[in-house]
């Protein structure tokens, strides 16, 4: 069991949590660099990076390591990554290999990173446009969930994160949080004035669910695979779209495809895929795949989660109940084409 430290707080409170770590170095997405000043944290240096998918490569990691070295960072250094999932992935990877590993933490600034990308210890970069092929699993000292950083997010960023929020509650639906999330996001999608849905409690609940699952299975040999719901299809969709489809939007489509697959195999409760499609559409999420499943097959075979010719497909059986089924890509594609 690995302890994953989620701290729900306001920006003004972050400094008190960092005082014990001594020398702090900040790596941040240049689009949110203003947050660094709001923290009031004494730092040894701030490195602003371009948080774009084509920059999520090993060269960027090396650049951070060279910067840390140039700033005189030693084994006692603490690195704080501020930004969305790309920034936290890159920062965590760099901190994990710099001088064989220094301490690090995250302050995620997008909905997607607060409920998913910045939690669980997966830190990595892409290889030749294949998602997260290089990396390590190493936990941050803490992940700060600060509500005010979400206030300026665009509609696209909200919906991209919404898919991961809903995914988490499809896996575990304690206290009816799936239904609560659908209601909150549906109100937001239909409103011209309420552009920031009140998701504070739901974000915290989703973050803790992921932390609990990842903490019990840090190296993804069992239960943690459930968190990949929709992702085998999603990564193939992103690959085929040349990254023009946002990750969260691809996940939404991937969850629908997984539900169709579960129904095709006779595993899901009747009407599950139709319900998910209605709910996702009401939240402003896409549900139609722009590619045939045959067109996705090659990228799925090369997915990092593939185990030889078998993929551990995560299939939703009902809201709050999912299971893993080991299938070949050919078997999955064949079942979907029969539907």
Protein backbone atom coordinates (compact mmCIF):
# COMPACT_ATOMS: atom_id res chain seq x y z
CA UNK A 1 0.00 0.00 0.00
CA UNK A 2 1.44 3.36 -1.07
CA UNK A 3 0.30 6.55 0.62
CA UNK A 4 -0.71 9.24 -1.87
CA UNK A 5 -0.94 12.67 -0.26
CA UNK A 6 -3.80 14.82 -1.60
CA UNK A 7 -3.99 18.29 -0.02
CA UNK A 8 -7.15 20.32 -0.66
CA UNK A 9 -6.35 23.95 0.09
CA UNK A 10 -6.24 27.49 -1.26
CA UNK A 11 -3.18 28.95 -2.98
CA UNK A 12 -2.39 31.09 0.04
CA UNK A 13 -1.98 27.95 2.13
CA UNK A 14 0.50 26.17 -0.15
CA UNK A 15 3.54 28.01 1.23
CA UNK A 16 3.04 26.62 4.73
CA UNK A 17 3.15 23.07 3.37
CA UNK A 18 6.40 23.71 1.51
CA UNK A 19 8.36 25.39 4.30
CA UNK A 20 9.77 22.09 5.54
CA UNK A 21 11.31 21.23 2.16
CA UNK A 22 14.03 23.87 2.04
CA UNK A 23 15.23 24.70 -1.47
CA UNK A 24 12.28 24.77 -3.88
CA UNK A 25 12.60 24.88 -7.65
CA UNK A 26 9.46 25.53 -9.70
CA UNK A 27 8.74 24.23 -13.19
CA UNK A 28 5.55 25.76 -14.57
CA UNK A 29 3.49 26.06 -17.71
CA UNK A 30 4.25 29.58 -18.93
CA UNK A 31 0.51 30.18 -19.38
CA UNK A 32 -0.03 29.98 -15.60
CA UNK A 33 3.20 31.58 -14.44
CA UNK A 34 1.23 34.21 -12.51
CA UNK A 35 0.35 31.55 -9.96
CA UNK A 36 4.01 31.43 -8.88
CA UNK A 37 3.80 34.98 -7.56
CA UNK A 38 0.52 34.29 -5.74
CA UNK A 39 2.14 31.44 -3.83
CA UNK A 40 4.70 33.66 -2.15
CA UNK A 41 7.08 30.69 -1.98
CA UNK A 42 10.80 31.42 -1.67
CA UNK A 43 12.35 29.63 -4.64
CA UNK A 44 15.82 28.96 -5.98
CA UNK A 45 14.49 29.43 -9.50
CA UNK A 46 11.45 29.27 -11.78
CA UNK A 47 11.54 27.58 -15.18
CA UNK A 48 8.68 28.33 -17.56
CA UNK A 49 8.02 25.66 -20.20
CA UNK A 50 5.73 25.28 -23.18
CA UNK A 51 3.12 22.70 -22.19
CA UNK A 52 2.24 21.30 -25.60
CA UNK A 53 1.87 17.67 -26.65
CA UNK A 54 4.74 17.96 -29.14
CA UNK A 55 6.95 19.18 -26.28
CA UNK A 56 6.11 16.16 -24.11
CA UNK A 57 9.31 14.43 -25.18
CA UNK A 58 12.56 13.33 -23.58
CA UNK A 59 14.44 16.40 -24.83
CA UNK A 60 12.22 18.57 -22.63
CA UNK A 61 13.01 16.36 -19.63
CA UNK A 62 16.73 16.74 -20.34
CA UNK A 63 16.24 20.51 -20.55
CA UNK A 64 14.72 20.57 -17.05
CA UNK A 65 17.54 18.41 -15.69
CA UNK A 66 20.14 20.72 -17.23
CA UNK A 67 18.35 23.72 -15.74
CA UNK A 68 18.30 22.12 -12.27
CA UNK A 69 22.00 21.34 -12.58
CA UNK A 70 22.76 24.89 -13.67
CA UNK A 71 20.80 26.25 -10.71
CA UNK A 72 22.88 24.17 -8.33
CA UNK A 73 20.06 21.82 -7.29
CA UNK A 74 21.43 19.02 -5.08
CA UNK A 75 19.91 15.81 -3.71
CA UNK A 76 17.95 17.83 -1.12
CA UNK A 77 16.16 19.89 -3.77
CA UNK A 78 12.36 19.97 -3.98
CA UNK A 79 10.76 20.49 -7.41
CA UNK A 80 7.20 21.81 -7.69
CA UNK A 81 5.40 21.31 -11.00
CA UNK A 82 2.64 23.84 -11.71
CA UNK A 83 0.36 23.33 -14.70
CA UNK A 84 -1.79 20.73 -16.39
CA UNK A 85 -1.09 17.07 -16.98
CA UNK A 86 1.67 17.65 -19.54
CA UNK A 87 3.60 19.84 -17.10
CA UNK A 88 3.19 17.51 -14.13
CA UNK A 89 4.11 14.44 -16.20
CA UNK A 90 7.29 16.06 -17.49
CA UNK A 91 8.26 17.60 -14.16
CA UNK A 92 7.72 14.37 -12.24
CA UNK A 93 9.81 12.43 -14.76
CA UNK A 94 12.67 14.95 -14.62
CA UNK A 95 12.68 15.04 -10.81
CA UNK A 96 12.59 11.23 -10.70
CA UNK A 97 15.79 10.84 -12.72
CA UNK A 98 17.74 13.98 -11.76
CA UNK A 99 20.60 12.84 -9.47
CA UNK A 100 18.75 9.50 -9.27
CA UNK A 101 15.69 11.16 -7.87
CA UNK A 102 14.84 14.28 -5.88
CA UNK A 103 11.62 15.13 -4.06
CA UNK A 104 8.81 16.75 -5.99
CA UNK A 105 5.19 17.83 -5.75
CA UNK A 106 2.42 19.06 -8.01
CA UNK A 107 0.00 21.95 -8.15
CA UNK A 108 -2.31 20.95 -11.02
CA UNK A 109 -4.12 23.82 -12.71
CA UNK A 110 -6.64 22.03 -14.95
CA UNK A 111 -9.69 19.97 -14.07
CA UNK A 112 -8.23 16.99 -15.93
CA UNK A 113 -4.98 17.10 -13.98
CA UNK A 114 -6.70 17.63 -10.62
CA UNK A 115 -8.85 14.52 -10.96
CA UNK A 116 -6.47 12.32 -12.93
CA UNK A 117 -3.15 13.27 -14.53
CA UNK A 118 -1.37 14.66 -11.45
CA UNK A 119 -2.38 11.77 -9.17
CA UNK A 120 -0.94 8.29 -8.99
CA UNK A 121 2.77 8.65 -9.66
CA UNK A 122 2.86 7.99 -13.41
CA UNK A 123 5.41 10.40 -14.88
CA UNK A 124 6.37 10.15 -18.51
CA UNK A 125 6.68 11.46 -22.03
CA UNK A 126 5.74 10.36 -25.52
CA UNK A 127 7.88 8.42 -27.98
CA UNK A 128 7.38 9.15 -31.69
CA UNK A 129 3.80 10.33 -30.96
CA UNK A 130 2.92 7.19 -28.99
CA UNK A 131 1.52 8.25 -25.63
CA UNK A 132 3.62 8.03 -22.46
CA UNK A 133 5.95 5.31 -23.70
CA UNK A 134 8.90 6.55 -21.61
CA UNK A 135 8.61 7.16 -17.91
CA UNK A 136 8.65 6.00 -14.31
CA UNK A 137 6.17 5.38 -11.53
CA UNK A 138 7.18 7.52 -8.55
CA UNK A 139 4.88 9.34 -6.18
CA UNK A 140 5.04 13.09 -5.51
CA UNK A 141 5.37 14.21 -1.90
CA UNK A 142 1.97 15.87 -2.27
CA UNK A 143 -0.54 17.07 -4.83
CA UNK A 144 -2.30 20.35 -4.08
CA UNK A 145 -5.95 20.67 -5.15
CA UNK A 146 -6.65 24.41 -5.20
CA UNK A 147 -10.14 25.39 -6.45
CA UNK A 148 -9.34 28.95 -7.54
CA UNK A 149 -6.91 27.89 -10.26
CA UNK A 150 -9.83 26.52 -12.31
CA UNK A 151 -11.67 29.85 -12.54
CA UNK A 152 -10.15 30.88 -15.87
CA UNK A 153 -10.40 27.55 -17.70
CA UNK A 154 -11.89 27.49 -21.18
CA UNK A 155 -14.95 25.45 -22.10
CA UNK A 156 -12.71 22.92 -23.87
CA UNK A 157 -10.54 22.50 -20.77
CA UNK A 158 -13.60 22.01 -18.54
CA UNK A 159 -15.13 19.37 -20.80
CA UNK A 160 -11.80 17.60 -21.24
CA UNK A 161 -11.50 17.28 -17.48
CA UNK A 162 -15.18 16.41 -17.14
CA UNK A 163 -14.61 13.14 -19.01
CA UNK A 164 -12.03 11.98 -16.45
CA UNK A 165 -14.28 13.10 -13.59
CA UNK A 166 -17.19 11.05 -14.94
CA UNK A 167 -14.85 8.12 -15.66
CA UNK A 168 -13.82 8.00 -12.03
CA UNK A 169 -17.41 7.84 -10.83
CA UNK A 170 -18.31 5.19 -13.42
CA UNK A 171 -15.64 3.09 -11.71
CA UNK A 172 -16.80 3.93 -8.17
CA UNK A 173 -20.11 5.68 -7.63
CA UNK A 174 -20.12 6.30 -3.90
CA UNK A 175 -22.87 8.67 -2.70
CA UNK A 176 -24.30 9.00 -6.22
CA UNK A 177 -21.40 11.21 -7.32
CA UNK A 178 -21.79 10.18 -10.96
CA UNK A 179 -25.34 11.53 -11.05
CA UNK A 180 -24.27 14.68 -9.14
CA UNK A 181 -21.46 15.30 -11.63
CA UNK A 182 -23.78 14.85 -14.62
CA UNK A 183 -26.26 17.31 -13.10
CA UNK A 184 -23.60 19.94 -12.36
CA UNK A 185 -21.94 19.66 -15.76
CA UNK A 186 -25.27 19.61 -17.60
CA UNK A 187 -26.30 22.87 -15.90
CA UNK A 188 -22.98 24.37 -16.89
CA UNK A 189 -23.28 23.21 -20.51
CA UNK A 190 -26.73 24.76 -20.87
CA UNK A 191 -25.90 28.07 -19.19
CA UNK A 192 -24.51 31.20 -20.80
CA UNK A 193 -23.68 32.75 -17.43
CA UNK A 194 -22.59 29.89 -15.17
CA UNK A 195 -19.30 29.07 -16.84
CA UNK A 196 -17.65 27.55 -13.78
CA UNK A 197 -19.60 24.58 -12.45
CA UNK A 198 -19.46 24.05 -8.69
CA UNK A 199 -17.40 20.88 -8.70
CA UNK A 200 -15.25 21.43 -5.60
CA UNK A 201 -16.49 18.50 -3.52
CA UNK A 202 -16.68 16.22 -6.57
CA UNK A 203 -13.11 17.04 -7.60
CA UNK A 204 -11.88 16.16 -4.12
CA UNK A 205 -13.89 12.93 -4.11
CA UNK A 206 -12.57 11.88 -7.54
CA UNK A 207 -8.98 12.70 -6.57
CA UNK A 208 -9.28 10.55 -3.47
CA UNK A 209 -10.77 7.64 -5.41
CA UNK A 210 -7.86 7.67 -7.83
CA UNK A 211 -5.37 8.03 -4.99
CA UNK A 212 -6.93 5.06 -3.18
CA UNK A 213 -6.90 2.79 -6.24
CA UNK A 214 -3.40 3.83 -7.32
CA UNK A 215 -2.08 3.55 -3.78
CA UNK A 216 -3.25 -0.07 -3.48
CA UNK A 217 -1.68 -1.02 -6.82
CA UNK A 218 1.10 1.50 -7.57
CA UNK A 219 2.73 -0.54 -10.33
CA UNK A 220 -0.52 -1.33 -12.18
CA UNK A 221 -0.59 -5.10 -11.89
CA UNK A 222 -4.25 -5.37 -10.94
CA UNK A 223 -6.90 -2.96 -9.66
CA UNK A 224 -5.18 0.16 -10.96
CA UNK A 225 -5.87 -0.99 -14.50
CA UNK A 226 -9.49 -0.01 -13.88
CA UNK A 227 -8.41 3.63 -14.17
CA UNK A 228 -7.67 2.98 -17.86
CA UNK A 229 -11.39 2.87 -18.63
CA UNK A 230 -11.77 4.29 -22.15
CA UNK A 231 -8.04 4.92 -22.55
CA UNK A 232 -7.07 2.13 -24.95
CA UNK A 233 -9.51 3.53 -27.48
CA UNK A 234 -8.70 7.12 -26.48
CA UNK A 235 -4.97 6.86 -27.14
CA UNK A 236 -5.68 5.34 -30.55
CA UNK A 237 -8.12 8.16 -31.32
CA UNK A 238 -5.54 10.78 -30.31
CA UNK A 239 -2.88 9.06 -32.42
CA UNK A 240 -5.12 8.90 -35.50
CA UNK A 241 -6.19 12.53 -35.09
CA UNK A 242 -2.58 13.74 -34.84
CA UNK A 243 -3.45 15.01 -31.35
CA UNK A 244 -6.13 17.38 -32.70
CA UNK A 245 -8.69 15.74 -30.37
CA UNK A 246 -8.21 16.67 -26.72
CA UNK A 247 -7.33 13.83 -24.38
CA UNK A 248 -10.49 14.15 -22.30
CA UNK A 249 -12.69 14.24 -25.36
CA UNK A 250 -10.97 11.11 -26.67
CA UNK A 251 -11.56 9.45 -23.29
CA UNK A 252 -15.27 10.28 -23.48
CA UNK A 253 -15.51 8.62 -26.89
CA UNK A 254 -13.38 5.73 -25.64
CA UNK A 255 -15.72 5.08 -22.72
CA UNK A 256 -18.68 4.91 -25.10
CA UNK A 257 -16.78 2.42 -27.28
CA UNK A 258 -15.92 0.37 -24.18
CA UNK A 259 -19.61 0.33 -23.22
CA UNK A 260 -20.56 -0.85 -26.71
CA UNK A 261 -17.91 -3.57 -26.45
CA UNK A 262 -19.25 -4.68 -23.06
CA UNK A 263 -22.76 -4.88 -24.50
CA UNK A 264 -21.53 -6.78 -27.56
CA UNK A 265 -19.99 -9.35 -25.24
CA UNK A 266 -23.20 -9.62 -23.22
CA UNK A 267 -21.57 -8.25 -20.07
CA UNK A 268 -23.17 -4.82 -19.52
CA UNK A 269 -26.62 -4.06 -18.24
CA UNK A 270 -29.12 -3.23 -20.97
CA UNK A 271 -29.06 0.33 -22.26
CA UNK A 272 -25.80 1.33 -20.55
CA UNK A 273 -24.15 2.74 -23.67
CA UNK A 274 -27.30 4.72 -24.53
CA UNK A 275 -27.43 6.17 -21.03
CA UNK A 276 -23.78 7.16 -21.13
CA UNK A 277 -24.23 8.77 -24.53
CA UNK A 278 -27.16 10.85 -23.24
CA UNK A 279 -25.31 11.86 -20.10
CA UNK A 280 -22.09 12.75 -21.90
CA UNK A 281 -23.89 14.78 -24.55
CA UNK A 282 -25.76 16.70 -21.84
CA UNK A 283 -22.36 17.58 -20.33
CA UNK A 284 -21.08 18.91 -23.66
CA UNK A 285 -18.88 15.90 -24.38
CA UNK A 286 -18.42 14.21 -27.77
CA UNK A 287 -19.65 10.63 -28.11
CA UNK A 288 -19.18 9.76 -31.79
CA UNK A 289 -15.85 8.29 -32.90
CA UNK A 290 -14.52 9.98 -36.07
CA UNK A 291 -12.71 6.78 -37.05
CA UNK A 292 -13.81 3.21 -37.65
CA UNK A 293 -12.67 0.69 -35.05
CA UNK A 294 -10.66 -1.00 -37.80
CA UNK A 295 -8.73 2.25 -38.26
CA UNK A 296 -7.93 2.30 -34.54
CA UNK A 297 -6.63 -1.28 -34.46
CA UNK A 298 -2.97 -0.65 -35.28
CA UNK A 299 -2.52 2.05 -32.65
CA UNK A 300 -4.25 -0.15 -30.05
CA UNK A 301 -1.81 -2.98 -30.75
CA UNK A 302 1.06 -0.57 -30.01
CA UNK A 303 -0.52 0.84 -26.86
CA UNK A 304 1.84 0.77 -23.88
CA UNK A 305 -0.73 -1.29 -21.95
CA UNK A 306 -0.69 -4.10 -24.52
CA UNK A 307 0.63 -7.38 -23.12
CA UNK A 308 1.90 -9.16 -26.20
CA UNK A 309 -1.13 -9.61 -28.44
CA UNK A 310 -3.54 -9.15 -25.51
CA UNK A 311 -4.98 -5.91 -24.15
CA UNK A 312 -6.51 -5.55 -20.71
CA UNK A 313 -9.74 -3.86 -21.81
CA UNK A 314 -11.61 -2.11 -19.01
CA UNK A 315 -15.34 -2.56 -19.60
CA UNK A 316 -18.20 -0.75 -17.83
CA UNK A 317 -20.94 -3.15 -16.75
CA UNK A 318 -23.04 -0.57 -14.90
CA UNK A 319 -22.54 2.82 -13.29
CA UNK A 320 -20.17 2.07 -10.43
CA UNK A 321 -19.13 -1.35 -11.72
CA UNK A 322 -16.38 -2.11 -14.22
CA UNK A 323 -14.20 -5.13 -14.90
CA UNK A 324 -11.11 -6.07 -16.85
CA UNK A 325 -11.37 -8.47 -19.78
CA UNK A 326 -8.29 -9.69 -21.62
CA UNK A 327 -8.95 -9.61 -25.35
CA UNK A 328 -6.96 -9.46 -28.55
CA UNK A 329 -7.46 -6.35 -30.66
CA UNK A 330 -8.96 -8.55 -33.35
CA UNK A 331 -11.53 -9.96 -30.94
CA UNK A 332 -12.51 -6.52 -29.70
CA UNK A 333 -12.78 -5.06 -33.21
CA UNK A 334 -14.79 -8.06 -34.36
CA UNK A 335 -17.26 -7.73 -31.48
CA UNK A 336 -17.74 -4.02 -32.09
CA UNK A 337 -18.25 -4.50 -35.83
CA UNK A 338 -21.05 -6.98 -35.10
CA UNK A 339 -22.93 -4.48 -32.96
